[in-house]
Amino acid sequence: MTAGPIGPVTPLSPSATPVSTAAQPGSANARRAAMASFIGSTLEYYDFFIYGSASALIFNKIFFPGIDPSLGMVLSMATIGIGYVVRPVAAGVIGHFGDRVGRRQMLVLTLVLMGIATFLIGCLPPASAIGAAAPVLLVFLRAVQGASAAGESVGAVTMTMEHAPSNKRAFYASWVNTGAVAGIMLASLAFLAVSLLPEQELLAWGWRLPFLASLLVVGIGLYIRLRLPESEVFEAAKETGSQRELPIKVVLRDHWATILKVILFGLWSVVSSVFAAFGLAYAGKLGVPAAVMLTVTIVTAALGIVVQPYAGILADRIGRKPVFITGNIICAVAAFAFFWSISIASVPLIFATAILFMTVGYGMVNPLGPSMTAEMFETRIRYTGAATASQLGLVVTGFAPAIAAGIVQPGPVGWLPVAMFTAACCLISALVTAVWVKETYRTRTEDLGRQPAATA
């Protein structure tokens, strides 16, 4: 994507849409909400993704020593998935209070939970010191990380899009997952730095530094989020008195079809965990230095920070569906090119295919996915509905690295099952979007998620 017909992008520049701007003025706090979500999401996902890097490089040696290296990698990858198992339940709880009490309070809670859990992972003694208790504690703290992440992305998107003018929702909301990409970049930078240590020192204490550093940045996120008010759309919904029923009860009773839709639609997110966690581990087995793969992640993430807001602007101009579907198709094709380039250990090709995979393809779906999910639910149940539905779908994403590690085969084309699995997830997401997801770029924020008769 280029700036051609859209014009230059600045962090919160206006863009023309077919919708009447007079009908949807948005909140005066839209820019603050987008910036708060970007920074908060960066810090949150820095914490979340340093775990993925450590799982690929460190945890099989620290917490699963003395077993076959291939099995150790599968177990290490599986602990990533634990963080996703608890997310549906945590999403229901956090979403309930987010819809009843307020979005801001829950976003403060998720940030604190993530910071504490990540710091404590950095304090864990190895299995050689406390035996089986070490992996048990690791899994528990990963579950706390998962509970925090369950309410983070959807909560930040919900608050941002509710503050934004209706005709610029996708652009403003794109900054949430752009922040997540920035968090991945910071996590990779942190592990690139410590990976330069001698292996003995890295395994002894160096791997802990990125985890311990997370506590230092929580205060920044708290300062920003505590200064942001609730959205006018949410406050108006509270004043209507329409929140007498439990949000989760309404979601499960009246929106079960939407939940199923989101689960299938959300398979696009498999791309990130396969790329960032399994790709790093697989490349290492084939002799590609970890520093190269971490640099690849840093480069694609840095480019993604630039590209993703353009996807939001384009989605506000021509609709969410064409941008999202195109991105999924690109990801499906690029998965084969990326893993082939790793199999032949060609560093230039790894960089080129990774940019196609993550910056171009994933850069079109990642900034739109959470906001498209949130747009499927009306204001009074939006946090609960979007969080619960999206986190149910993310269980597959969480175990995608373990699935990939389990199905990869030896030999020069052993990566084919992994590429096929990733491509299938992207194509299912694209198909569901094409036939089952409603286009919302012309819909006012207050009308989102309503039944057609009510909207009419």
Protein backbone atom coordinates (compact mmCIF):
# COMPACT_ATOMS: atom_id res chain seq x y z
CA MET A 1 0.00 0.00 0.00
CA THR A 2 1.18 3.51 -0.74
CA ALA A 3 0.12 6.99 0.08
CA GLY A 4 -1.08 7.56 -3.52
CA PRO A 5 -4.79 8.38 -3.58
CA ILE A 6 -5.10 8.35 0.18
CA GLY A 7 -2.59 11.06 0.88
CA PRO A 8 0.11 11.23 3.53
CA VAL A 9 -0.68 9.58 6.83
CA THR A 10 -0.11 11.32 10.10
CA PRO A 11 -1.01 9.69 13.40
CA LEU A 12 -4.49 10.94 13.49
CA SER A 13 -5.17 12.64 10.18
CA PRO A 14 -8.67 13.04 8.76
CA SER A 15 -9.88 10.98 5.82
CA ALA A 16 -12.91 11.38 3.66
CA THR A 17 -15.58 8.65 3.67
CA PRO A 18 -18.98 8.13 2.11
CA VAL A 19 -20.60 8.60 5.52
CA SER A 20 -21.90 11.98 6.60
CA THR A 21 -19.49 13.46 9.12
CA ALA A 22 -22.30 15.50 10.61
CA ALA A 23 -23.99 12.29 11.67
CA GLN A 24 -21.01 11.01 13.60
CA PRO A 25 -18.74 13.59 15.19
CA GLY A 26 -16.88 11.21 17.51
CA SER A 27 -15.25 12.12 20.78
CA ALA A 28 -12.78 14.93 21.36
CA ASN A 29 -10.64 12.31 23.10
CA ALA A 30 -10.24 10.12 19.99
CA ARG A 31 -6.57 10.99 19.54
CA ARG A 32 -5.77 10.45 23.20
CA ALA A 33 -7.62 7.13 23.13
CA ALA A 34 -5.68 5.96 20.08
CA MET A 35 -2.35 7.00 21.59
CA ALA A 36 -3.18 5.46 24.97
CA SER A 37 -4.19 2.22 23.25
CA PHE A 38 -1.04 2.19 21.13
CA ILE A 39 1.31 2.68 24.08
CA GLY A 40 -0.64 0.40 26.41
CA SER A 41 -0.82 -2.33 23.77
CA THR A 42 2.91 -1.97 23.08
CA LEU A 43 3.76 -2.53 26.73
CA GLU A 44 1.20 -5.32 27.14
CA TYR A 45 2.35 -7.28 24.13
CA TYR A 46 6.02 -6.73 24.84
CA ASP A 47 5.37 -8.73 27.99
CA PHE A 48 3.28 -11.32 26.18
CA PHE A 49 5.67 -11.94 23.28
CA ILE A 50 8.94 -12.11 25.17
CA TYR A 51 7.46 -15.35 26.46
CA GLY A 52 7.20 -16.62 22.88
CA SER A 53 10.83 -15.75 22.17
CA ALA A 54 11.96 -17.40 25.39
CA SER A 55 9.90 -20.52 24.61
CA ALA A 56 11.65 -20.86 21.27
CA LEU A 57 15.18 -20.23 22.55
CA ILE A 58 15.42 -20.90 26.30
CA PHE A 59 12.58 -22.66 28.11
CA ASN A 60 13.13 -26.16 26.73
CA LYS A 61 16.63 -26.06 28.27
CA ILE A 62 15.66 -24.38 31.56
CA PHE A 63 12.31 -25.94 32.42
CA PHE A 64 12.30 -29.18 30.36
CA PRO A 65 15.89 -30.45 30.61
CA GLY A 66 16.93 -34.06 30.16
CA ILE A 67 14.35 -35.00 27.51
CA ASP A 68 14.52 -35.41 23.75
CA PRO A 69 15.16 -31.98 22.16
CA SER A 70 12.24 -32.34 19.70
CA LEU A 71 9.83 -33.25 22.51
CA GLY A 72 11.26 -30.44 24.59
CA MET A 73 10.48 -27.98 21.81
CA VAL A 74 6.89 -29.27 21.54
CA LEU A 75 6.40 -28.94 25.31
CA SER A 76 7.93 -25.48 25.34
CA MET A 77 5.68 -24.41 22.45
CA ALA A 78 2.68 -25.95 24.25
CA THR A 79 3.20 -23.67 27.25
CA ILE A 80 2.48 -20.77 24.90
CA GLY A 81 -0.96 -22.28 24.35
CA ILE A 82 -1.69 -22.43 28.07
CA GLY A 83 -1.94 -18.67 28.05
CA TYR A 84 -4.76 -18.98 25.53
CA VAL A 85 -6.75 -21.72 27.29
CA VAL A 86 -7.74 -19.45 30.19
CA ARG A 87 -8.53 -16.52 27.91
CA PRO A 88 -12.20 -17.31 27.09
CA VAL A 89 -13.16 -17.51 30.77
CA ALA A 90 -11.08 -14.48 31.68
CA ALA A 91 -12.56 -12.60 28.73
CA GLY A 92 -16.08 -13.26 30.01
CA VAL A 93 -15.21 -11.92 33.47
CA ILE A 94 -13.20 -8.91 32.30
CA GLY A 95 -15.74 -8.17 29.57
CA HIS A 96 -18.60 -8.27 32.08
CA PHE A 97 -17.03 -5.62 34.27
CA GLY A 98 -15.89 -3.70 31.21
CA ASP A 99 -19.52 -3.43 30.08
CA ARG A 100 -20.89 -2.78 33.57
CA VAL A 101 -18.21 -0.73 35.33
CA GLY A 102 -16.16 0.74 32.50
CA ARG A 103 -13.59 0.01 29.84
CA ARG A 104 -10.82 2.05 31.43
CA GLN A 105 -10.77 0.24 34.78
CA MET A 106 -10.43 -3.14 33.10
CA LEU A 107 -7.61 -1.91 30.88
CA VAL A 108 -5.74 -0.74 33.97
CA LEU A 109 -6.29 -4.18 35.54
CA THR A 110 -4.98 -6.05 32.49
CA LEU A 111 -1.83 -3.93 32.38
CA VAL A 112 -1.04 -4.55 36.05
CA LEU A 113 -1.70 -8.30 35.80
CA MET A 114 0.56 -8.66 32.78
CA GLY A 115 3.40 -6.68 34.35
CA ILE A 116 3.39 -8.65 37.60
CA ALA A 117 3.15 -12.07 35.90
CA THR A 118 5.96 -11.26 33.48
CA PHE A 119 8.24 -9.98 36.23
CA LEU A 120 7.66 -13.15 38.28
CA ILE A 121 8.52 -15.37 35.30
CA GLY A 122 11.88 -13.64 35.28
CA CYS A 123 12.30 -14.62 38.94
CA LEU A 124 11.53 -18.35 38.53
CA PRO A 125 14.25 -20.80 39.55
CA PRO A 126 15.10 -23.49 36.96
CA ALA A 127 13.98 -27.12 37.07
CA SER A 128 17.46 -28.09 38.21
CA ALA A 129 16.80 -26.18 41.45
CA ILE A 130 13.16 -26.97 42.30
CA GLY A 131 12.29 -29.86 40.01
CA ALA A 132 8.78 -30.21 38.59
CA ALA A 133 7.60 -27.12 40.48
CA ALA A 134 9.47 -24.95 37.96
CA PRO A 135 7.37 -25.82 34.88
CA VAL A 136 4.21 -25.82 37.01
CA LEU A 137 4.88 -22.26 38.17
CA LEU A 138 5.78 -21.29 34.62
CA VAL A 139 2.44 -22.58 33.33
CA PHE A 140 0.56 -20.78 36.12
CA LEU A 141 2.19 -17.44 35.39
CA ARG A 142 1.61 -17.94 31.66
CA ALA A 143 -2.08 -18.47 32.51
CA VAL A 144 -2.08 -15.11 34.35
CA GLN A 145 -0.52 -13.52 31.28
CA GLY A 146 -3.28 -15.08 29.20
CA ALA A 147 -5.99 -13.76 31.50
CA SER A 148 -4.56 -10.28 31.14
CA ALA A 149 -4.25 -10.47 27.36
CA ALA A 150 -7.84 -11.72 27.12
CA GLY A 151 -9.18 -8.30 27.97
CA GLU A 152 -6.42 -6.12 26.55
CA SER A 153 -6.76 -6.01 22.77
CA VAL A 154 -10.54 -6.05 22.57
CA GLY A 155 -10.87 -3.60 25.46
CA ALA A 156 -8.42 -1.17 23.89
CA VAL A 157 -10.11 -1.49 20.49
CA THR A 158 -13.55 -1.03 22.05
CA MET A 159 -12.56 2.15 23.85
CA THR A 160 -10.70 3.57 20.86
CA MET A 161 -13.43 2.94 18.29
CA GLU A 162 -16.09 4.29 20.64
CA HIS A 163 -14.13 7.52 21.00
CA ALA A 164 -13.48 7.76 17.24
CA PRO A 165 -15.72 9.37 14.61
CA SER A 166 -17.74 6.66 12.87
CA ASN A 167 -16.14 7.35 9.52
CA LYS A 168 -12.60 6.83 10.90
CA ARG A 169 -13.08 3.89 13.25
CA ALA A 170 -10.79 1.49 11.39
CA PHE A 171 -7.94 4.01 11.27
CA TYR A 172 -8.10 4.92 14.95
CA ALA A 173 -8.60 1.28 16.02
CA SER A 174 -5.67 0.16 13.86
CA TRP A 175 -3.31 1.78 16.36
CA VAL A 176 -4.18 -0.88 18.95
CA ASN A 177 -2.68 -3.79 17.02
CA THR A 178 -0.01 -1.50 15.63
CA GLY A 179 0.99 -1.18 19.28
CA ALA A 180 0.99 -4.98 19.53
CA VAL A 181 3.42 -5.11 16.59
CA ALA A 182 5.59 -2.53 18.35
CA GLY A 183 5.53 -4.79 21.40
CA ILE A 184 6.74 -7.73 19.29
CA MET A 185 9.53 -5.53 17.96
CA LEU A 186 10.63 -4.51 21.45
CA ALA A 187 10.50 -8.12 22.66
CA SER A 188 12.66 -9.23 19.75
CA LEU A 189 15.12 -6.38 20.37
CA ALA A 190 15.36 -7.41 24.01
CA PHE A 191 16.11 -11.03 23.15
CA LEU A 192 18.46 -10.06 20.36
CA ALA A 193 20.48 -8.12 22.94
CA VAL A 194 20.66 -10.94 25.49
CA SER A 195 21.26 -13.60 22.81
CA LEU A 196 24.67 -12.02 22.26
CA LEU A 197 25.74 -13.27 25.69
CA PRO A 198 27.74 -16.50 25.98
CA GLU A 199 25.30 -19.45 26.20
CA GLN A 200 26.19 -20.27 29.80
CA GLU A 201 25.46 -16.74 30.96
CA LEU A 202 22.34 -16.52 28.79
CA LEU A 203 20.88 -19.67 30.37
CA ALA A 204 22.02 -18.70 33.88
CA TRP A 205 20.68 -15.17 34.10
CA GLY A 206 20.62 -13.31 30.78
CA TRP A 207 17.22 -14.60 29.65
CA ARG A 208 15.65 -13.12 32.78
CA LEU A 209 16.48 -9.50 31.97
CA PRO A 210 13.70 -8.87 29.40
CA PHE A 211 11.14 -10.25 31.87
CA LEU A 212 12.40 -8.24 34.82
CA ALA A 213 12.43 -5.06 32.74
CA SER A 214 8.68 -5.27 32.19
CA LEU A 215 8.02 -3.92 35.69
CA LEU A 216 9.73 -0.66 34.81
CA VAL A 217 7.34 0.18 31.98
CA VAL A 218 4.01 -0.62 33.66
CA GLY A 219 3.95 2.81 35.30
CA ILE A 220 4.01 4.54 31.92
CA GLY A 221 0.97 2.65 30.74
CA LEU A 222 -0.88 3.25 33.99
CA TYR A 223 -0.25 6.99 33.82
CA ILE A 224 -1.67 7.22 30.31
CA ARG A 225 -4.70 5.01 30.85
CA LEU A 226 -5.78 6.58 34.12
CA ARG A 227 -6.00 9.97 32.40
CA LEU A 228 -8.39 8.78 29.67
CA PRO A 229 -12.17 9.18 30.25
CA GLU A 230 -14.83 6.69 29.22
CA SER A 231 -16.34 7.09 25.76
CA GLU A 232 -19.52 9.08 25.20
CA VAL A 233 -21.12 6.09 23.44
CA PHE A 234 -20.52 3.87 26.49
CA GLU A 235 -21.79 6.49 28.94
CA ALA A 236 -24.92 6.97 26.84
CA ALA A 237 -25.56 3.21 26.86
CA LYS A 238 -25.23 3.15 30.65
CA GLU A 239 -27.74 5.95 31.01
CA THR A 240 -30.40 4.06 29.02
CA GLY A 241 -30.68 1.49 31.80
CA SER A 242 -30.42 -1.35 29.27
CA GLN A 243 -27.84 -3.31 31.28
CA ARG A 244 -30.13 -5.18 33.62
CA GLU A 245 -29.25 -8.62 32.24
CA LEU A 246 -25.79 -10.08 32.58
CA PRO A 247 -23.84 -9.24 29.41
CA ILE A 248 -22.47 -12.78 29.12
CA LYS A 249 -26.02 -14.18 29.34
CA VAL A 250 -27.15 -11.93 26.50
CA VAL A 251 -24.10 -12.82 24.42
CA LEU A 252 -24.49 -16.59 24.79
CA ARG A 253 -28.28 -16.54 24.34
CA ASP A 254 -28.72 -14.05 21.51
CA HIS A 255 -25.34 -13.92 19.77
CA TRP A 256 -24.13 -17.54 19.65
CA ALA A 257 -24.05 -17.41 15.85
CA THR A 258 -21.81 -14.35 16.01
CA ILE A 259 -19.51 -16.19 18.42
CA LEU A 260 -19.16 -19.05 15.92
CA LYS A 261 -18.54 -16.51 13.18
CA VAL A 262 -15.76 -14.81 15.16
CA ILE A 263 -14.08 -18.13 16.02
CA LEU A 264 -13.72 -19.02 12.33
CA PHE A 265 -13.05 -15.45 11.25
CA GLY A 266 -10.31 -15.16 13.89
CA LEU A 267 -8.14 -17.94 12.47
CA TRP A 268 -6.08 -15.20 10.76
CA SER A 269 -4.26 -14.69 14.04
CA VAL A 270 -2.51 -18.08 13.70
CA VAL A 271 -0.03 -16.26 11.45
CA SER A 272 1.64 -14.31 14.26
CA SER A 273 2.27 -17.22 16.63
CA VAL A 274 3.50 -19.54 13.86
CA PHE A 275 5.84 -16.85 12.55
CA ALA A 276 7.16 -15.43 15.82
CA ALA A 277 7.46 -18.59 17.93
CA PHE A 278 7.62 -21.68 15.71
CA GLY A 279 9.48 -19.95 12.88
CA LEU A 280 12.22 -18.91 15.29
CA ALA A 281 12.56 -22.43 16.73
CA TYR A 282 12.40 -24.17 13.33
CA ALA A 283 15.01 -21.91 11.80
CA GLY A 284 17.33 -22.62 14.71
CA LYS A 285 17.06 -26.38 14.09
CA LEU A 286 18.13 -25.83 10.48
CA GLY A 287 21.15 -23.77 11.47
CA VAL A 288 19.81 -20.26 10.84
CA PRO A 289 21.21 -18.10 13.66
CA ALA A 290 18.70 -16.83 16.20
CA ALA A 291 20.10 -13.32 15.69
CA VAL A 292 19.04 -13.45 12.03
CA MET A 293 15.47 -14.51 12.82
CA LEU A 294 15.12 -11.97 15.61
CA THR A 295 16.35 -9.29 13.21
CA VAL A 296 13.78 -10.46 10.65
CA THR A 297 11.06 -10.06 13.27
CA ILE A 298 12.32 -6.59 14.20
CA VAL A 299 12.41 -5.43 10.56
CA THR A 300 8.94 -6.76 9.70
CA ALA A 301 7.49 -5.29 12.89
CA ALA A 302 9.09 -1.89 12.29
CA LEU A 303 7.68 -1.83 8.76
CA GLY A 304 4.32 -2.99 10.12
CA ILE A 305 4.13 0.02 12.40
CA VAL A 306 4.27 2.20 9.29
CA VAL A 307 2.00 0.08 7.07
CA GLN A 308 -0.85 -0.88 9.39
CA PRO A 309 -2.46 2.56 9.77
CA TYR A 310 -2.69 2.69 5.96
CA ALA A 311 -4.77 -0.49 6.11
CA GLY A 312 -7.10 1.27 8.55
CA ILE A 313 -7.45 4.28 6.27
CA LEU A 314 -8.11 2.06 3.25
CA ALA A 315 -10.73 0.10 5.21
CA ASP A 316 -12.49 3.37 6.06
CA ARG A 317 -12.45 4.29 2.36
CA ILE A 318 -13.46 1.09 0.54
CA GLY A 319 -14.64 -1.19 3.34
CA ARG A 320 -13.16 -3.66 5.81
CA LYS A 321 -13.86 -6.84 3.83
CA PRO A 322 -11.81 -6.28 0.66
CA VAL A 323 -8.73 -5.23 2.64
CA PHE A 324 -9.05 -8.05 5.16
CA ILE A 325 -9.72 -10.78 2.58
CA THR A 326 -6.81 -9.67 0.39
CA GLY A 327 -4.44 -9.73 3.37
CA ASN A 328 -5.48 -13.27 4.28
CA ILE A 329 -4.89 -14.51 0.73
CA ILE A 330 -1.43 -12.93 0.69
CA CYS A 331 -0.61 -14.60 4.03
CA ALA A 332 -1.76 -18.00 2.71
CA VAL A 333 0.59 -17.77 -0.26
CA ALA A 334 3.48 -16.20 1.64
CA ALA A 335 3.48 -18.97 4.27
CA PHE A 336 4.85 -21.40 1.69
CA ALA A 337 7.49 -18.96 0.47
CA PHE A 338 8.60 -18.09 4.02
CA PHE A 339 9.14 -21.65 5.25
CA TRP A 340 10.77 -22.66 1.96
CA SER A 341 13.26 -19.82 2.37
CA ILE A 342 14.05 -21.05 5.90
CA SER A 343 14.52 -24.62 4.62
CA ILE A 344 17.23 -23.49 2.19
CA ALA A 345 18.73 -21.12 4.82
CA SER A 346 18.78 -18.17 2.41
CA VAL A 347 18.95 -15.05 4.57
CA PRO A 348 17.98 -12.60 1.76
CA LEU A 349 14.96 -14.74 0.86
CA ILE A 350 13.98 -15.11 4.50
CA PHE A 351 13.87 -11.32 4.81
CA ALA A 352 11.98 -10.86 1.53
CA THR A 353 9.35 -13.53 2.19
CA ALA A 354 8.94 -12.46 5.82
CA ILE A 355 8.15 -8.92 4.68
CA LEU A 356 5.55 -10.27 2.24
CA PHE A 357 4.14 -12.54 4.94
CA MET A 358 4.08 -10.21 7.94
CA THR A 359 4.35 -6.64 6.71
CA VAL A 360 2.14 -6.85 3.61
CA GLY A 361 -0.30 -9.72 4.26
CA TYR A 362 -0.50 -9.70 8.03
CA GLY A 363 -0.23 -5.91 7.98
CA MET A 364 -3.62 -5.81 6.22
CA VAL A 365 -5.49 -8.20 8.55
CA ASN A 366 -3.89 -7.51 11.93
CA PRO A 367 -5.03 -3.88 12.34
CA LEU A 368 -8.60 -4.70 11.23
CA GLY A 369 -9.36 -8.02 12.92
CA PRO A 370 -10.05 -6.79 16.48
CA SER A 371 -12.13 -3.79 15.38
CA MET A 372 -14.14 -5.92 12.95
CA THR A 373 -14.87 -8.29 15.82
CA ALA A 374 -15.93 -5.44 18.12
CA GLU A 375 -18.17 -4.00 15.41
CA MET A 376 -20.24 -7.19 15.43
CA PHE A 377 -21.64 -6.39 18.89
CA GLU A 378 -23.75 -3.52 20.18
CA THR A 379 -22.40 -1.12 22.80
CA ARG A 380 -24.04 -2.57 25.92
CA ILE A 381 -22.43 -6.01 25.41
CA ARG A 382 -19.52 -5.12 23.12
CA TYR A 383 -16.65 -5.74 25.53
CA THR A 384 -18.09 -9.05 26.77
CA GLY A 385 -19.15 -10.29 23.35
CA ALA A 386 -16.02 -9.36 21.43
CA ALA A 387 -13.65 -10.51 24.17
CA THR A 388 -15.37 -13.87 24.77
CA ALA A 389 -15.83 -14.70 21.09
CA SER A 390 -12.33 -13.65 20.01
CA GLN A 391 -10.62 -15.49 22.86
CA LEU A 392 -12.46 -18.73 22.06
CA GLY A 393 -11.05 -18.43 18.56
CA LEU A 394 -7.57 -17.68 19.85
CA VAL A 395 -7.25 -21.09 21.53
CA VAL A 396 -6.20 -22.45 18.13
CA THR A 397 -3.74 -19.57 17.76
CA GLY A 398 -2.21 -20.31 21.15
CA PHE A 399 -1.51 -23.93 20.29
CA ALA A 400 -0.51 -23.21 16.68
CA PRO A 401 3.25 -23.32 17.51
CA ALA A 402 2.78 -26.67 19.27
CA ILE A 403 0.68 -27.97 16.35
CA ALA A 404 3.37 -26.79 13.94
CA ALA A 405 6.12 -28.43 16.01
CA GLY A 406 4.11 -31.65 16.04
CA ILE A 407 3.39 -31.84 12.31
CA VAL A 408 6.71 -30.63 10.91
CA GLN A 409 8.58 -33.44 9.18
CA PRO A 410 12.29 -34.10 8.69
CA GLY A 411 13.86 -33.42 5.34
CA PRO A 412 13.99 -30.49 2.92
CA VAL A 413 10.19 -30.26 2.48
CA GLY A 414 9.26 -31.12 6.05
CA TRP A 415 7.87 -27.60 6.45
CA LEU A 416 5.01 -28.23 3.97
CA PRO A 417 2.47 -29.43 6.60
CA VAL A 418 3.11 -26.26 8.64
CA ALA A 419 2.65 -24.00 5.62
CA MET A 420 -0.51 -25.88 4.63
CA PHE A 421 -1.93 -25.54 8.14
CA THR A 422 -1.20 -21.81 8.23
CA ALA A 423 -2.62 -21.24 4.75
CA ALA A 424 -5.78 -23.21 5.56
CA CYS A 425 -6.44 -21.02 8.61
CA CYS A 426 -6.02 -17.85 6.53
CA LEU A 427 -8.27 -19.09 3.72
CA ILE A 428 -11.01 -20.14 6.16
CA SER A 429 -10.86 -16.67 7.70
CA ALA A 430 -11.11 -15.08 4.25
CA LEU A 431 -14.04 -17.29 3.21
CA VAL A 432 -16.00 -16.65 6.41
CA THR A 433 -15.41 -12.92 5.99
CA ALA A 434 -16.59 -12.99 2.39
CA VAL A 435 -19.87 -14.84 3.01
CA TRP A 436 -20.77 -14.23 6.64
CA VAL A 437 -19.30 -10.97 7.95
CA LYS A 438 -21.33 -7.80 7.45
CA GLU A 439 -19.62 -4.73 5.99
CA THR A 440 -19.72 -1.92 8.56
CA TYR A 441 -17.70 0.98 7.20
CA ARG A 442 -20.87 2.97 6.47
CA THR A 443 -22.53 2.13 9.83
CA ARG A 444 -22.67 4.63 12.69
CA THR A 445 -20.98 3.49 15.90
CA GLU A 446 -24.20 3.62 17.91
CA ASP A 447 -25.89 1.33 15.35
CA LEU A 448 -23.22 -1.37 15.31
CA GLY A 449 -24.36 -4.88 16.21
CA ARG A 450 -28.07 -4.11 16.12
CA GLN A 451 -30.50 -6.38 14.35
CA PRO A 452 -31.51 -5.13 10.87
CA ALA A 453 -35.05 -4.38 11.97
CA ALA A 454 -33.83 -2.25 14.86
CA THR A 455 -31.42 -0.37 12.61
CA ALA A 456 -34.10 0.28 10.04
